[in-house]
Amino acid sequence: MLKKGSKLYSILTGTCPKCQNESMYLDKNPLHLNKTLKMHENCSHCGLRYQIEPSFFYGAMYVSYGLNVAIGIAAFVISFVLFESSLKVAFLAIIVSLVILFPFVLRWARNIYINMFVSYDHKLNEK
């Protein structure tokens, strides 16, 4: 399921969507908040320029919005429906989950967005 060459592999690992040999980010740990969105300019293996055009990743804000809505709904359902908590506790669960997952959502949104435009190239990894 999570093998090299799939979009899901690139999205979850944050690797170059074209060759999947290198991380797009300078620091692989998204919890280093001051470096969460710092990216390499190009892939050192295939040369793909990550910022395809000026302000390319502004489109990732829409993906981020969708991810945050999905996380909020999931947190509400788990808290309110499964654990039968009060509405106040359910909304607190939404806020806490969104704050905790914030750096991950930022990266996942960028990873999903660039993978919408760049496909894996099997020829780059043939030997």
N, C-alpha and C. Protein backbone atom coordinates (compact mmCIF):
# COMPACT_ATOMS: atom_id res chain seq x y z
N MET A 1 0.82 -1.19 0.00
CA MET A 1 0.00 0.00 0.00
C MET A 1 0.87 1.26 0.00
N LEU A 2 1.84 1.31 0.88
CA LEU A 2 2.69 2.50 0.97
C LEU A 2 4.05 2.17 0.37
N LYS A 3 4.06 2.07 -0.96
CA LYS A 3 5.32 1.74 -1.62
C LYS A 3 5.76 2.90 -2.49
N LYS A 4 7.05 2.94 -2.73
CA LYS A 4 7.63 3.99 -3.54
C LYS A 4 6.98 3.96 -4.92
N GLY A 5 6.63 5.12 -5.40
CA GLY A 5 5.96 5.23 -6.70
C GLY A 5 4.51 5.62 -6.58
N SER A 6 3.95 5.54 -5.37
CA SER A 6 2.55 5.92 -5.18
C SER A 6 2.47 7.35 -4.66
N LYS A 7 1.36 8.00 -4.97
CA LYS A 7 1.14 9.37 -4.48
C LYS A 7 1.09 9.38 -2.95
N LEU A 8 0.48 8.37 -2.37
CA LEU A 8 0.34 8.29 -0.92
C LEU A 8 1.71 8.25 -0.25
N TYR A 9 2.66 7.54 -0.85
CA TYR A 9 4.02 7.49 -0.30
C TYR A 9 4.63 8.88 -0.25
N SER A 10 4.52 9.61 -1.35
CA SER A 10 5.09 10.95 -1.42
C SER A 10 4.39 11.90 -0.45
N ILE A 11 3.08 11.78 -0.34
CA ILE A 11 2.31 12.67 0.54
C ILE A 11 2.68 12.43 2.01
N LEU A 12 2.72 11.19 2.42
CA LEU A 12 2.96 10.89 3.84
C LEU A 12 4.42 11.05 4.25
N THR A 13 5.35 10.85 3.32
CA THR A 13 6.76 10.97 3.67
C THR A 13 7.34 12.35 3.36
N GLY A 14 6.65 13.14 2.55
CA GLY A 14 7.15 14.47 2.19
C GLY A 14 8.31 14.43 1.23
N THR A 15 8.39 13.37 0.43
CA THR A 15 9.48 13.25 -0.53
C THR A 15 9.10 13.90 -1.86
N CYS A 16 10.09 14.11 -2.68
CA CYS A 16 9.90 14.69 -4.01
C CYS A 16 8.85 13.88 -4.76
N PRO A 17 7.83 14.52 -5.31
CA PRO A 17 6.78 13.76 -5.99
C PRO A 17 7.23 13.14 -7.31
N LYS A 18 8.31 13.64 -7.88
CA LYS A 18 8.76 13.14 -9.18
C LYS A 18 9.65 11.91 -9.05
N CYS A 19 10.62 11.93 -8.12
CA CYS A 19 11.55 10.80 -7.98
C CYS A 19 11.40 10.07 -6.64
N GLN A 20 10.86 10.73 -5.64
CA GLN A 20 10.64 10.18 -4.30
C GLN A 20 11.93 9.68 -3.64
N ASN A 21 13.04 10.37 -3.90
CA ASN A 21 14.32 9.99 -3.32
C ASN A 21 14.80 10.94 -2.24
N GLU A 22 14.19 12.11 -2.12
CA GLU A 22 14.69 13.12 -1.18
C GLU A 22 13.52 13.86 -0.54
N SER A 23 13.69 14.22 0.71
CA SER A 23 12.68 15.02 1.39
C SER A 23 12.64 16.42 0.78
N MET A 24 11.45 16.97 0.64
CA MET A 24 11.31 18.33 0.12
C MET A 24 11.69 19.37 1.16
N TYR A 25 11.70 18.99 2.42
CA TYR A 25 11.87 19.93 3.51
C TYR A 25 13.30 19.92 4.05
N LEU A 26 13.77 21.07 4.48
CA LEU A 26 15.11 21.17 5.05
C LEU A 26 15.22 20.37 6.34
N ASP A 27 14.18 20.41 7.16
CA ASP A 27 14.14 19.66 8.42
C ASP A 27 12.97 18.68 8.33
N LYS A 28 13.25 17.40 8.46
CA LYS A 28 12.19 16.39 8.30
C LYS A 28 11.17 16.40 9.44
N ASN A 29 11.53 16.99 10.58
CA ASN A 29 10.64 16.99 11.74
C ASN A 29 9.72 18.21 11.68
N PRO A 30 8.40 18.01 11.48
CA PRO A 30 7.49 19.16 11.41
C PRO A 30 7.25 19.83 12.76
N LEU A 31 7.71 19.22 13.84
CA LEU A 31 7.52 19.82 15.16
C LEU A 31 8.54 20.91 15.47
N HIS A 32 9.55 21.06 14.63
CA HIS A 32 10.45 22.21 14.74
C HIS A 32 9.74 23.37 14.05
N LEU A 33 8.93 24.08 14.80
CA LEU A 33 7.95 25.02 14.23
C LEU A 33 8.57 26.14 13.40
N ASN A 34 9.77 26.57 13.73
CA ASN A 34 10.37 27.65 12.95
C ASN A 34 10.89 27.16 11.59
N LYS A 35 10.93 25.84 11.39
CA LYS A 35 11.41 25.28 10.12
C LYS A 35 10.35 24.42 9.43
N THR A 36 9.12 24.47 9.89
CA THR A 36 8.08 23.58 9.37
C THR A 36 7.90 23.72 7.86
N LEU A 37 7.90 24.93 7.34
CA LEU A 37 7.62 25.15 5.92
C LEU A 37 8.87 25.46 5.09
N LYS A 38 10.05 25.37 5.67
CA LYS A 38 11.27 25.65 4.92
C LYS A 38 11.58 24.46 4.01
N MET A 39 11.66 24.75 2.72
CA MET A 39 11.85 23.70 1.73
C MET A 39 13.13 23.92 0.92
N HIS A 40 13.63 22.83 0.37
CA HIS A 40 14.71 22.95 -0.61
C HIS A 40 14.13 23.64 -1.84
N GLU A 41 14.97 24.30 -2.61
CA GLU A 41 14.49 24.93 -3.85
C GLU A 41 14.24 23.88 -4.92
N ASN A 42 15.19 22.95 -5.06
CA ASN A 42 15.11 21.90 -6.08
C ASN A 42 15.44 20.56 -5.45
N CYS A 43 15.00 19.50 -6.10
CA CYS A 43 15.38 18.15 -5.70
C CYS A 43 16.80 17.90 -6.19
N SER A 44 17.67 17.42 -5.32
CA SER A 44 19.05 17.18 -5.72
C SER A 44 19.19 15.95 -6.62
N HIS A 45 18.18 15.11 -6.64
CA HIS A 45 18.25 13.88 -7.45
C HIS A 45 17.72 14.10 -8.87
N CYS A 46 16.52 14.68 -9.00
CA CYS A 46 15.91 14.83 -10.33
C CYS A 46 15.87 16.29 -10.81
N GLY A 47 16.14 17.24 -9.92
CA GLY A 47 16.16 18.65 -10.31
C GLY A 47 14.81 19.33 -10.32
N LEU A 48 13.75 18.67 -9.86
CA LEU A 48 12.42 19.28 -9.85
C LEU A 48 12.43 20.53 -8.99
N ARG A 49 11.93 21.60 -9.53
CA ARG A 49 11.78 22.85 -8.76
C ARG A 49 10.46 22.75 -8.01
N TYR A 50 10.52 22.81 -6.68
CA TYR A 50 9.32 22.63 -5.86
C TYR A 50 8.35 23.81 -5.97
N GLN A 51 8.87 25.00 -6.00
CA GLN A 51 8.02 26.19 -6.16
C GLN A 51 7.82 26.36 -7.66
N ILE A 52 6.87 25.62 -8.22
CA ILE A 52 6.67 25.53 -9.66
C ILE A 52 6.47 26.91 -10.30
N GLU A 53 5.75 27.76 -9.62
CA GLU A 53 5.55 29.14 -10.07
C GLU A 53 5.49 30.03 -8.84
N PRO A 54 5.62 31.34 -9.01
CA PRO A 54 5.57 32.22 -7.83
C PRO A 54 4.25 32.01 -7.06
N SER A 55 4.37 31.96 -5.75
CA SER A 55 3.21 31.79 -4.86
C SER A 55 2.46 30.48 -5.12
N PHE A 56 3.16 29.47 -5.59
CA PHE A 56 2.54 28.18 -5.93
C PHE A 56 1.78 27.57 -4.75
N PHE A 57 2.38 27.62 -3.58
CA PHE A 57 1.79 26.92 -2.44
C PHE A 57 0.64 27.69 -1.77
N TYR A 58 0.26 28.84 -2.30
CA TYR A 58 -0.96 29.49 -1.79
C TYR A 58 -2.18 28.60 -2.02
N GLY A 59 -2.15 27.83 -3.07
CA GLY A 59 -3.25 26.89 -3.34
C GLY A 59 -3.37 25.81 -2.28
N ALA A 60 -2.28 25.55 -1.57
CA ALA A 60 -2.31 24.54 -0.51
C ALA A 60 -3.20 24.98 0.66
N MET A 61 -3.51 26.27 0.72
CA MET A 61 -4.40 26.76 1.79
C MET A 61 -5.78 26.12 1.67
N TYR A 62 -6.23 25.89 0.44
CA TYR A 62 -7.54 25.25 0.23
C TYR A 62 -7.50 23.80 0.68
N VAL A 63 -6.40 23.13 0.41
CA VAL A 63 -6.23 21.75 0.85
C VAL A 63 -6.18 21.72 2.38
N SER A 64 -5.46 22.67 2.97
CA SER A 64 -5.36 22.76 4.42
C SER A 64 -6.74 22.96 5.05
N TYR A 65 -7.54 23.80 4.44
CA TYR A 65 -8.90 24.03 4.95
C TYR A 65 -9.69 22.72 4.96
N GLY A 66 -9.61 21.98 3.87
CA GLY A 66 -10.32 20.69 3.80
C GLY A 66 -9.83 19.70 4.83
N LEU A 67 -8.52 19.64 5.02
CA LEU A 67 -7.97 18.74 6.02
C LEU A 67 -8.41 19.14 7.43
N ASN A 68 -8.40 20.43 7.72
CA ASN A 68 -8.82 20.89 9.04
C ASN A 68 -10.31 20.63 9.30
N VAL A 69 -11.13 20.78 8.28
CA VAL A 69 -12.56 20.46 8.43
C VAL A 69 -12.72 18.97 8.72
N ALA A 70 -12.00 18.13 7.99
CA ALA A 70 -12.10 16.68 8.22
C ALA A 70 -11.63 16.30 9.62
N ILE A 71 -10.55 16.90 10.07
CA ILE A 71 -10.05 16.63 11.42
C ILE A 71 -11.04 17.11 12.47
N GLY A 72 -11.62 18.28 12.25
CA GLY A 72 -12.61 18.81 13.19
C GLY A 72 -13.84 17.92 13.29
N ILE A 73 -14.31 17.46 12.15
CA ILE A 73 -15.48 16.56 12.15
C ILE A 73 -15.14 15.25 12.84
N ALA A 74 -13.96 14.70 12.54
CA ALA A 74 -13.56 13.44 13.17
C ALA A 74 -13.43 13.60 14.69
N ALA A 75 -12.83 14.71 15.13
CA ALA A 75 -12.70 14.95 16.57
C ALA A 75 -14.07 15.09 17.24
N PHE A 76 -14.99 15.76 16.57
CA PHE A 76 -16.33 15.93 17.12
C PHE A 76 -17.05 14.58 17.22
N VAL A 77 -16.98 13.80 16.16
CA VAL A 77 -17.66 12.49 16.16
C VAL A 77 -17.07 11.58 17.22
N ILE A 78 -15.76 11.54 17.31
CA ILE A 78 -15.13 10.68 18.32
C ILE A 78 -15.50 11.13 19.73
N SER A 79 -15.45 12.43 19.97
CA SER A 79 -15.72 12.95 21.31
C SER A 79 -17.21 12.88 21.66
N PHE A 80 -18.05 13.42 20.80
CA PHE A 80 -19.47 13.58 21.12
C PHE A 80 -20.25 12.28 20.94
N VAL A 81 -19.99 11.57 19.85
CA VAL A 81 -20.77 10.37 19.56
C VAL A 81 -20.21 9.14 20.26
N LEU A 82 -18.92 8.90 20.10
CA LEU A 82 -18.35 7.68 20.67
C LEU A 82 -18.19 7.75 22.19
N PHE A 83 -17.67 8.88 22.69
CA PHE A 83 -17.45 9.00 24.13
C PHE A 83 -18.61 9.67 24.85
N GLU A 84 -19.61 10.11 24.10
CA GLU A 84 -20.83 10.74 24.64
C GLU A 84 -20.51 11.88 25.61
N SER A 85 -19.60 12.76 25.19
CA SER A 85 -19.25 13.91 26.01
C SER A 85 -20.23 15.05 25.76
N SER A 86 -20.10 16.11 26.54
CA SER A 86 -20.94 17.28 26.34
C SER A 86 -20.46 18.06 25.12
N LEU A 87 -21.27 19.02 24.67
CA LEU A 87 -20.88 19.84 23.52
C LEU A 87 -19.62 20.66 23.81
N LYS A 88 -19.51 21.17 25.03
CA LYS A 88 -18.32 21.95 25.39
C LYS A 88 -17.06 21.11 25.28
N VAL A 89 -17.11 19.90 25.76
CA VAL A 89 -15.95 19.00 25.70
C VAL A 89 -15.66 18.62 24.25
N ALA A 90 -16.71 18.41 23.46
CA ALA A 90 -16.52 18.05 22.06
C ALA A 90 -15.84 19.19 21.30
N PHE A 91 -16.27 20.43 21.54
CA PHE A 91 -15.63 21.56 20.87
C PHE A 91 -14.21 21.80 21.39
N LEU A 92 -13.99 21.52 22.63
CA LEU A 92 -12.63 21.59 23.17
C LEU A 92 -11.74 20.53 22.51
N ALA A 93 -12.29 19.35 22.26
CA ALA A 93 -11.55 18.29 21.57
C ALA A 93 -11.19 18.72 20.15
N ILE A 94 -12.09 19.42 19.48
CA ILE A 94 -11.81 19.93 18.13
C ILE A 94 -10.64 20.91 18.18
N ILE A 95 -10.71 21.85 19.09
CA ILE A 95 -9.66 22.88 19.20
C ILE A 95 -8.31 22.25 19.53
N VAL A 96 -8.29 21.35 20.49
CA VAL A 96 -7.04 20.70 20.89
C VAL A 96 -6.45 19.89 19.74
N SER A 97 -7.29 19.13 19.05
CA SER A 97 -6.78 18.31 17.94
C SER A 97 -6.25 19.17 16.80
N LEU A 98 -6.90 20.29 16.51
CA LEU A 98 -6.43 21.18 15.44
C LEU A 98 -5.12 21.85 15.82
N VAL A 99 -4.98 22.24 17.07
CA VAL A 99 -3.73 22.88 17.51
C VAL A 99 -2.57 21.88 17.49
N ILE A 100 -2.82 20.68 17.97
CA ILE A 100 -1.76 19.66 18.02
C ILE A 100 -1.34 19.24 16.61
N LEU A 101 -2.29 19.10 15.70
CA LEU A 101 -1.98 18.62 14.35
C LEU A 101 -1.60 19.73 13.37
N PHE A 102 -1.58 20.98 13.82
CA PHE A 102 -1.32 22.12 12.94
C PHE A 102 -0.06 21.98 12.09
N PRO A 103 1.12 21.66 12.65
CA PRO A 103 2.31 21.56 11.79
C PRO A 103 2.23 20.40 10.79
N PHE A 104 1.57 19.32 11.18
CA PHE A 104 1.41 18.19 10.27
C PHE A 104 0.47 18.55 9.12
N VAL A 105 -0.61 19.24 9.42
CA VAL A 105 -1.57 19.65 8.40
C VAL A 105 -0.91 20.61 7.40
N LEU A 106 -0.07 21.51 7.88
CA LEU A 106 0.63 22.41 6.97
C LEU A 106 1.43 21.63 5.94
N ARG A 107 2.16 20.65 6.39
CA ARG A 107 2.99 19.86 5.48
C ARG A 107 2.14 18.94 4.61
N TRP A 108 1.15 18.28 5.19
CA TRP A 108 0.30 17.40 4.40
C TRP A 108 -0.39 18.18 3.28
N ALA A 109 -0.82 19.40 3.57
CA ALA A 109 -1.49 20.22 2.55
C ALA A 109 -0.53 20.53 1.40
N ARG A 110 0.69 20.90 1.72
CA ARG A 110 1.68 21.17 0.67
C ARG A 110 2.00 19.90 -0.12
N ASN A 111 2.14 18.79 0.59
CA ASN A 111 2.45 17.53 -0.07
C ASN A 111 1.32 17.11 -1.02
N ILE A 112 0.10 17.23 -0.56
CA ILE A 112 -1.05 16.88 -1.40
C ILE A 112 -1.12 17.81 -2.60
N TYR A 113 -0.91 19.09 -2.36
CA TYR A 113 -1.05 20.07 -3.44
C TYR A 113 -0.01 19.86 -4.54
N ILE A 114 1.24 19.66 -4.18
CA ILE A 114 2.25 19.47 -5.22
C ILE A 114 2.05 18.13 -5.93
N ASN A 115 1.52 17.13 -5.24
CA ASN A 115 1.26 15.84 -5.87
C ASN A 115 0.07 15.89 -6.82
N MET A 116 -0.74 16.94 -6.73
CA MET A 116 -1.83 17.11 -7.69
C MET A 116 -1.29 17.53 -9.06
N PHE A 117 -0.10 18.11 -9.10
CA PHE A 117 0.44 18.66 -10.34
C PHE A 117 1.66 17.90 -10.87
N VAL A 118 2.34 17.15 -10.02
CA VAL A 118 3.56 16.45 -10.43
C VAL A 118 3.36 14.95 -10.20
N SER A 119 3.67 14.16 -11.21
CA SER A 119 3.52 12.71 -11.11
C SER A 119 4.88 12.03 -10.97
N TYR A 120 4.85 10.85 -10.41
CA TYR A 120 6.06 10.05 -10.24
C TYR A 120 6.59 9.62 -11.60
N ASP A 121 7.89 9.68 -11.78
CA ASP A 121 8.55 9.27 -13.03
C ASP A 121 9.38 8.02 -12.76
N HIS A 122 8.89 6.87 -13.21
CA HIS A 122 9.58 5.60 -12.97
C HIS A 122 10.96 5.57 -13.63
N LYS A 123 11.14 6.29 -14.71
CA LYS A 123 12.42 6.28 -15.45
C LYS A 123 13.57 6.83 -14.62
N LEU A 124 13.26 7.72 -13.68
CA LEU A 124 14.33 8.33 -12.87
C LEU A 124 14.97 7.33 -11.91
N ASN A 125 14.27 6.26 -11.58
CA ASN A 125 14.78 5.30 -10.60
C ASN A 125 15.18 3.97 -11.21
N GLU A 126 15.16 3.87 -12.55
CA GLU A 126 15.61 2.64 -13.19
C GLU A 126 17.13 2.61 -13.20
N LYS A 127 17.67 1.45 -13.07
CA LYS A 127 19.14 1.33 -13.06
C LYS A 127 19.62 0.56 -14.24
